[in-house]
PDB file of N, CA and C in Angstrom:
ATOM      1  N   MET A   1      80.700 130.612  98.612  1.00  0.00           N
ATOM      2  CA  MET A   1      79.923 129.468  99.056  1.00  0.00           C
ATOM      3  C   MET A   1      80.245 128.225  98.221  1.00  0.00           C
ATOM      4  N   LYS A   2      80.381 128.417  96.886  1.00  0.00           N
ATOM      5  CA  LYS A   2      80.698 127.277  96.024  1.00  0.00           C
ATOM      6  C   LYS A   2      82.083 126.726  96.350  1.00  0.00           C
ATOM      7  N   ALA A   3      83.012 127.611  96.648  1.00  0.00           N
ATOM      8  CA  ALA A   3      84.366 127.170  96.998  1.00  0.00           C
ATOM      9  C   ALA A   3      84.350 126.327  98.271  1.00  0.00           C
ATOM     10  N   PHE A   4      83.540 126.719  99.229  1.00  0.00           N
ATOM     11  CA  PHE A   4      83.420 125.969 100.476  1.00  0.00           C
ATOM     12  C   PHE A   4      82.888 124.563 100.210  1.00  0.00           C
ATOM     13  N   ILE A   5      81.888 124.449  99.360  1.00  0.00           N
ATOM     14  CA  ILE A   5      81.301 123.147  99.037  1.00  0.00           C
ATOM     15  C   ILE A   5      82.327 122.267  98.315  1.00  0.00           C
ATOM     16  N   VAL A   6      83.089 122.856  97.408  1.00  0.00           N
ATOM     17  CA  VAL A   6      84.117 122.100  96.685  1.00  0.00           C
ATOM     18  C   VAL A   6      85.189 121.601  97.647  1.00  0.00           C
ATOM     19  N   ILE A   7      85.655 122.461  98.529  1.00  0.00           N
ATOM     20  CA  ILE A   7      86.681 122.073  99.510  1.00  0.00           C
ATOM     21  C   ILE A   7      86.149 120.993 100.441  1.00  0.00           C
ATOM     22  N   LEU A   8      84.920 121.130 100.878  1.00  0.00           N
ATOM     23  CA  LEU A   8      84.303 120.132 101.755  1.00  0.00           C
ATOM     24  C   LEU A   8      84.175 118.793 101.033  1.00  0.00           C
ATOM     25  N   SER A   9      83.797 118.816  99.779  1.00  0.00           N
ATOM     26  CA  SER A   9      83.670 117.580  98.996  1.00  0.00           C
ATOM     27  C   SER A   9      85.015 116.883  98.848  1.00  0.00           C
ATOM     28  N   ILE A  10      86.048 117.642  98.562  1.00  0.00           N
ATOM     29  CA  ILE A  10      87.395 117.070  98.426  1.00  0.00           C
ATOM     30  C   ILE A  10      87.854 116.468  99.748  1.00  0.00           C
ATOM     31  N   ALA A  11      87.581 117.152 100.841  1.00  0.00           N
ATOM     32  CA  ALA A  11      87.972 116.648 102.164  1.00  0.00           C
ATOM     33  C   ALA A  11      87.272 115.327 102.476  1.00  0.00           C
ATOM     34  N   ILE A  12      86.010 115.225 102.136  1.00  0.00           N
ATOM     35  CA  ILE A  12      85.255 113.991 102.394  1.00  0.00           C
ATOM     36  C   ILE A  12      85.823 112.840 101.570  1.00  0.00           C
ATOM     37  N   VAL A  13      86.128 113.092 100.307  1.00  0.00           N
ATOM     38  CA  VAL A  13      86.697 112.049  99.448  1.00  0.00           C
ATOM     39  C   VAL A  13      88.049 111.587  99.988  1.00  0.00           C
ATOM     40  N   LEU A  14      88.900 112.509 100.388  1.00  0.00           N
ATOM     41  CA  LEU A  14      90.205 112.141 100.946  1.00  0.00           C
ATOM     42  C   LEU A  14      90.063 111.335 102.230  1.00  0.00           C
ATOM     43  N   LEU A  15      89.114 111.707 103.053  1.00  0.00           N
ATOM     44  CA  LEU A  15      88.860 110.974 104.290  1.00  0.00           C
ATOM     45  C   LEU A  15      88.425 109.542 103.991  1.00  0.00           C
ATOM     46  N   LEU A  16      87.575 109.372 103.004  1.00  0.00           N
ATOM     47  CA  LEU A  16      87.139 108.026 102.624  1.00  0.00           C
ATOM     48  C   LEU A  16      88.302 107.192 102.100  1.00  0.00           C
ATOM     49  N   ILE A  17      89.161 107.786 101.303  1.00  0.00           N
ATOM     50  CA  ILE A  17      90.317 107.063 100.764  1.00  0.00           C
ATOM     51  C   ILE A  17      91.241 106.610 101.888  1.00  0.00           C
ATOM     52  N   VAL A  18      91.506 107.479 102.840  1.00  0.00           N
ATOM     53  CA  VAL A  18      92.376 107.131 103.968  1.00  0.00           C
ATOM     54  C   VAL A  18      91.754 106.030 104.805  1.00  0.00           C
ATOM     55  N   SER A  19      90.462 106.096 105.080  1.00  0.00           N
ATOM     56  CA  SER A  19      89.821 105.071 105.903  1.00  0.00           C
ATOM     57  C   SER A  19      89.798 103.731 105.187  1.00  0.00           C
ATOM     58  N   ILE A  20      89.630 103.726 103.856  1.00  0.00           N
ATOM     59  CA  ILE A  20      89.661 102.475 103.106  1.00  0.00           C
ATOM     60  C   ILE A  20      91.059 101.871 103.162  1.00  0.00           C
ATOM     61  N   LYS A  21      92.085 102.687 103.025  1.00  0.00           N
ATOM     62  CA  LYS A  21      93.464 102.183 103.064  1.00  0.00           C
ATOM     63  C   LYS A  21      93.790 101.611 104.437  1.00  0.00           C
ATOM     64  N   GLU A  22      93.361 102.276 105.521  1.00  0.00           N
ATOM     65  CA  GLU A  22      93.618 101.773 106.867  1.00  0.00           C
ATOM     66  C   GLU A  22      92.929 100.435 107.081  1.00  0.00           C
ATOM     67  N   THR A  23      91.685 100.315 106.619  1.00  0.00           N
ATOM     68  CA  THR A  23      90.958  99.061 106.754  1.00  0.00           C
ATOM     69  C   THR A  23      91.654  97.960 105.969  1.00  0.00           C
ATOM     70  N   SER A  24      92.116  98.271 104.783  1.00  0.00           N
ATOM     71  CA  SER A  24      92.787  97.284 103.946  1.00  0.00           C
ATOM     72  C   SER A  24      94.096  96.822 104.575  1.00  0.00           C
ATOM     73  N   ALA A  25      94.847  97.729 105.171  1.00  0.00           N
ATOM     74  CA  ALA A  25      96.092  97.361 105.840  1.00  0.00           C
ATOM     75  C   ALA A  25      95.811  96.450 107.029  1.00  0.00           C
ATOM     76  N   LYS A  26      94.739  96.722 107.746  1.00  0.00           N
ATOM     77  CA  LYS A  26      94.352  95.879 108.877  1.00  0.00           C
ATOM     78  C   LYS A  26      93.941  94.495 108.375  1.00  0.00           C
ATOM     79  N   ASP A  27      93.178  94.456 107.272  1.00  0.00           N
ATOM     80  CA  ASP A  27      92.787  93.185 106.672  1.00  0.00           C
ATOM     81  C   ASP A  27      94.010  92.392 106.234  1.00  0.00           C
ATOM     82  N   CYS A  28      95.010  93.098 105.726  1.00  0.00           N
ATOM     83  CA  CYS A  28      96.252  92.476 105.272  1.00  0.00           C
ATOM     84  C   CYS A  28      96.923  91.730 106.428  1.00  0.00           C
ATOM     85  N   LYS A  29      97.075  92.388 107.556  1.00  0.00           N
ATOM     86  CA  LYS A  29      97.714  91.762 108.718  1.00  0.00           C
ATOM     87  C   LYS A  29      96.912  90.550 109.184  1.00  0.00           C
ATOM     88  N   GLN A  30      95.599  90.684 109.240  1.00  0.00           N
ATOM     89  CA  GLN A  30      94.753  89.574 109.677  1.00  0.00           C
ATOM     90  C   GLN A  30      94.860  88.383 108.734  1.00  0.00           C
ATOM     91  N   GLU A  31      94.901  88.639 107.423  1.00  0.00           N
ATOM     92  CA  GLU A  31      95.025  87.562 106.444  1.00  0.00           C
ATOM     93  C   GLU A  31      96.375  86.863 106.559  1.00  0.00           C
ATOM     94  N   CYS A  32      97.441  87.624 106.756  1.00  0.00           N
ATOM     95  CA  CYS A  32      98.778  87.031 106.922  1.00  0.00           C
ATOM     96  C   CYS A  32      98.788  86.049 108.085  1.00  0.00           C
ATOM     97  N   VAL A  33      98.319  86.517 109.210  1.00  0.00           N
ATOM     98  CA  VAL A  33      98.344  85.704 110.427  1.00  0.00           C
ATOM     99  C   VAL A  33      97.412  84.504 110.293  1.00  0.00           C
ATOM    100  N   LYS A  34      96.249  84.721 109.711  1.00  0.00           N
ATOM    101  CA  LYS A  34      95.276  83.636 109.568  1.00  0.00           C
ATOM    102  C   LYS A  34      95.797  82.541 108.638  1.00  0.00           C
ATOM    103  N   ARG A  35      96.415  82.923 107.537  1.00  0.00           N
ATOM    104  CA  ARG A  35      96.855  81.936 106.545  1.00  0.00           C
ATOM    105  C   ARG A  35      98.103  81.162 106.968  1.00  0.00           C
ATOM    106  N   TYR A  36      99.001  81.800 107.689  1.00  0.00           N
ATOM    107  CA  TYR A  36     100.256  81.115 108.014  1.00  0.00           C
ATOM    108  C   TYR A  36     100.260  80.505 109.411  1.00  0.00           C
ATOM    109  N   THR A  37      99.728  81.200 110.403  1.00  0.00           N
ATOM    110  CA  THR A  37      99.835  80.716 111.787  1.00  0.00           C
ATOM    111  C   THR A  37      98.495  80.393 112.425  1.00  0.00           C
ATOM    112  N   LYS A  38      97.427  80.470 111.672  1.00  0.00           N
ATOM    113  CA  LYS A  38      96.074  80.205 112.190  1.00  0.00           C
ATOM    114  C   LYS A  38      95.737  81.094 113.385  1.00  0.00           C
ATOM    115  N   GLY A  39      96.169  82.353 113.337  1.00  0.00           N
ATOM    116  CA  GLY A  39      95.798  83.329 114.355  1.00  0.00           C
ATOM    117  C   GLY A  39      96.839  83.611 115.419  1.00  0.00           C
ATOM    118  N   ASP A  40      97.951  82.892 115.413  1.00  0.00           N
ATOM    119  CA  ASP A  40      98.998  83.090 116.417  1.00  0.00           C
ATOM    120  C   ASP A  40      99.932  84.221 115.976  1.00  0.00           C
ATOM    121  N   LEU A  41     100.051  85.268 116.782  1.00  0.00           N
ATOM    122  CA  LEU A  41     100.873  86.429 116.442  1.00  0.00           C
ATOM    123  C   LEU A  41     102.338  86.298 116.876  1.00  0.00           C
ATOM    124  N   THR A  42     102.734  85.156 117.429  1.00  0.00           N
ATOM    125  CA  THR A  42     104.069  84.988 117.996  1.00  0.00           C
ATOM    126  C   THR A  42     105.182  85.281 116.993  1.00  0.00           C
ATOM    127  N   ASN A  43     105.121  84.710 115.806  1.00  0.00           N
ATOM    128  CA  ASN A  43     106.188  84.860 114.815  1.00  0.00           C
ATOM    129  C   ASN A  43     105.915  85.954 113.796  1.00  0.00           C
ATOM    130  N   PHE A  44     104.868  86.720 113.974  1.00  0.00           N
ATOM    131  CA  PHE A  44     104.517  87.760 113.010  1.00  0.00           C
ATOM    132  C   PHE A  44     105.501  88.919 113.100  1.00  0.00           C
ATOM    133  N   LEU A  45     106.025  89.375 111.947  1.00  0.00           N
ATOM    134  CA  LEU A  45     106.967  90.486 111.918  1.00  0.00           C
ATOM    135  C   LEU A  45     106.329  91.740 111.326  1.00  0.00           C
ATOM    136  N   LYS A  46     105.828  91.656 110.070  1.00  0.00           N
ATOM    137  CA  LYS A  46     105.202  92.836 109.480  1.00  0.00           C
ATOM    138  C   LYS A  46     104.313  92.449 108.307  1.00  0.00           C
ATOM    139  N   ALA A  47     103.403  93.362 107.997  1.00  0.00           N
ATOM    140  CA  ALA A  47     102.538  93.231 106.832  1.00  0.00           C
ATOM    141  C   ALA A  47     102.483  94.592 106.164  1.00  0.00           C
ATOM    142  N   GLU A  48     102.666  94.609 104.858  1.00  0.00           N
ATOM    143  CA  GLU A  48     102.607  95.856 104.099  1.00  0.00           C
ATOM    144  C   GLU A  48     101.535  95.720 103.031  1.00  0.00           C
ATOM    145  N   TYR A  49     100.739  96.755 102.883  1.00  0.00           N
ATOM    146  CA  TYR A  49      99.640  96.731 101.919  1.00  0.00           C
ATOM    147  C   TYR A  49      99.884  97.756 100.827  1.00  0.00           C
ATOM    148  N   GLU A  50      99.727  97.337  99.584  1.00  0.00           N
ATOM    149  CA  GLU A  50      99.855  98.238  98.441  1.00  0.00           C
ATOM    150  C   GLU A  50      98.554  98.180  97.647  1.00  0.00           C
ATOM    151  N   PRO A  51      97.775  99.270  97.658  1.00  0.00           N
ATOM    152  CA  PRO A  51      96.483  99.245  96.961  1.00  0.00           C
ATOM    153  C   PRO A  51      96.632  99.149  95.444  1.00  0.00           C
ATOM    154  N   LYS A  52      95.729  98.417  94.837  1.00  0.00           N
ATOM    155  CA  LYS A  52      95.632  98.281  93.380  1.00  0.00           C
ATOM    156  C   LYS A  52      94.150  98.415  93.013  1.00  0.00           C
ATOM    157  N   ASN A  53      93.839  98.300  91.755  1.00  0.00           N
ATOM    158  CA  ASN A  53      92.442  98.348  91.324  1.00  0.00           C
ATOM    159  C   ASN A  53      91.646  97.218  91.956  1.00  0.00           C
ATOM    160  N   ARG A  54      90.548  97.565  92.601  1.00  0.00           N
ATOM    161  CA  ARG A  54      89.627  96.603  93.218  1.00  0.00           C
ATOM    162  C   ARG A  54      90.310  95.630  94.162  1.00  0.00           C
ATOM    163  N   GLY A  55      91.276  96.103  94.907  1.00  0.00           N
ATOM    164  CA  GLY A  55      91.947  95.246  95.869  1.00  0.00           C
ATOM    165  C   GLY A  55      93.352  95.726  96.137  1.00  0.00           C
ATOM    166  N   GLY A  56      94.253  94.789  96.339  1.00  0.00           N
ATOM    167  CA  GLY A  56      95.626  95.181  96.604  1.00  0.00           C
ATOM    168  C   GLY A  56      96.513  93.979  96.827  1.00  0.00           C
ATOM    169  N   ILE A  57      97.794  94.266  96.995  1.00  0.00           N
ATOM    170  CA  ILE A  57      98.780  93.228  97.251  1.00  0.00           C
ATOM    171  C   ILE A  57      99.232  93.365  98.700  1.00  0.00           C
ATOM    172  N   CYS A  58      99.223  92.270  99.393  1.00  0.00           N
ATOM    173  CA  CYS A  58      99.616  92.238 100.794  1.00  0.00           C
ATOM    174  C   CYS A  58     100.913  91.436 100.915  1.00  0.00           C
ATOM    175  N   TYR A  59     101.952  92.056 101.461  1.00  0.00           N
ATOM    176  CA  TYR A  59     103.238  91.392 101.677  1.00  0.00           C
ATOM    177  C   TYR A  59     103.322  90.994 103.143  1.00  0.00           C
ATOM    178  N   CYS A  60     103.577  89.721 103.402  1.00  0.00           N
ATOM    179  CA  CYS A  60     103.639  89.205 104.768  1.00  0.00           C
ATOM    180  C   CYS A  60     105.060  88.737 105.084  1.00  0.00           C
ATOM    181  N   GLU A  61     105.501  89.031 106.298  1.00  0.00           N
ATOM    182  CA  GLU A  61     106.832  88.582 106.711  1.00  0.00           C
ATOM    183  C   GLU A  61     106.771  88.126 108.168  1.00  0.00           C
ATOM    184  N   PHE A  62     107.429  87.001 108.435  1.00  0.00           N
ATOM    185  CA  PHE A  62     107.462  86.439 109.779  1.00  0.00           C
ATOM    186  C   PHE A  62     108.906  86.337 110.260  1.00  0.00           C
ATOM    187  N   THR A  63     109.102  86.237 111.572  1.00  0.00           N
ATOM    188  CA  THR A  63     110.449  86.205 112.151  1.00  0.00           C
ATOM    189  C   THR A  63     111.228  84.965 111.740  1.00  0.00           C
ATOM    190  N   CYS A  64     110.558  83.921 111.315  1.00  0.00           N
ATOM    191  CA  CYS A  64     111.235  82.683 110.902  1.00  0.00           C
ATOM    192  C   CYS A  64     111.608  82.725 109.415  1.00  0.00           C
ATOM    193  N   HIS A  65     111.753  83.928 108.851  1.00  0.00           N
ATOM    194  CA  HIS A  65     112.182  84.165 107.468  1.00  0.00           C
ATOM    195  C   HIS A  65     111.182  83.688 106.424  1.00  0.00           C
ATOM    196  N   VAL A  66     109.938  83.525 106.799  1.00  0.00           N
ATOM    197  CA  VAL A  66     108.889  83.190 105.839  1.00  0.00           C
ATOM    198  C   VAL A  66     108.338  84.495 105.287  1.00  0.00           C
ATOM    199  N   LYS A  67     108.282  84.594 103.948  1.00  0.00           N
ATOM    200  CA  LYS A  67     107.779  85.798 103.288  1.00  0.00           C
ATOM    201  C   LYS A  67     106.865  85.367 102.148  1.00  0.00           C
ATOM    202  N   PHE A  68     105.721  86.021 102.008  1.00  0.00           N
ATOM    203  CA  PHE A  68     104.832  85.706 100.899  1.00  0.00           C
ATOM    204  C   PHE A  68     103.894  86.870 100.616  1.00  0.00           C
ATOM    205  N   TYR A  69     103.254  86.812  99.445  1.00  0.00           N
ATOM    206  CA  TYR A  69     102.304  87.833  99.019  1.00  0.00           C
ATOM    207  C   TYR A  69     100.903  87.241  98.982  1.00  0.00           C
ATOM    208  N   ILE A  70      99.921  88.075  99.306  1.00  0.00           N
ATOM    209  CA  ILE A  70      98.515  87.705  99.202  1.00  0.00           C
ATOM    210  C   ILE A  70      97.845  88.770  98.343  1.00  0.00           C
ATOM    211  N   TYR A  71      97.014  88.349  97.425  1.00  0.00           N
ATOM    212  CA  TYR A  71      96.255  89.295  96.612  1.00  0.00           C
ATOM    213  C   TYR A  71      94.864  89.429  97.212  1.00  0.00           C
ATOM    214  N   LEU A  72      94.552  90.613  97.724  1.00  0.00           N
ATOM    215  CA  LEU A  72      93.256  90.862  98.349  1.00  0.00           C
ATOM    216  C   LEU A  72      92.320  91.513  97.350  1.00  0.00           C
ATOM    217  N   LYS A  73      91.084  91.030  97.296  1.00  0.00           N
ATOM    218  CA  LYS A  73      90.062  91.649  96.449  1.00  0.00           C
ATOM    219  C   LYS A  73      89.039  92.301  97.350  1.00  0.00           C
ATOM    220  N   HIS A  74      88.595  93.480  96.966  1.00  0.00           N
ATOM    221  CA  HIS A  74      87.567  94.184  97.720  1.00  0.00           C
ATOM    222  C   HIS A  74      86.346  94.333  96.843  1.00  0.00           C
ATOM    223  N   GLU A  75      85.212  93.992  97.382  1.00  0.00           N
ATOM    224  CA  GLU A  75      83.963  94.084  96.626  1.00  0.00           C
ATOM    225  C   GLU A  75      83.569  95.536  96.442  1.00  0.00           C
ATOM    226  N   MET A  76      83.129  95.873  95.261  1.00  0.00           N
ATOM    227  CA  MET A  76      82.656  97.223  94.965  1.00  0.00           C
ATOM    228  C   MET A  76      81.134  97.220  95.037  1.00  0.00           C
ATOM    229  N   ASP A  77      80.571  98.080  95.852  1.00  0.00           N
ATOM    230  CA  ASP A  77      79.104  98.156  95.967  1.00  0.00           C
ATOM    231  C   ASP A  77      78.546  99.182  95.018  1.00  0.00           C
TER     232      ASP A  77
END
C-alpha cells in the first residue's frame, strides 16, 4: 500500500512538471508574437523554451531572420 502511494505521488509530481512546461512553452510563443509582430503570426517561425529557476529563457525566431531571447518570470504561489 505504501509503495502504491509513493508511485502515485511521483506520478502526480511529474504530471505537474509536464503541464507547467507546456504552459510555459505556450507563453513563450505568445510573448514572441506579441513583442515583435503585435499578434500577427505571418512571419513567426519558432519559439523554444528552456526552463530555469522561477522562469525561463524563451528563444524567438521569425522568417525574416529576426532572432531574440526573452526572459520569462513565473510567479511562485
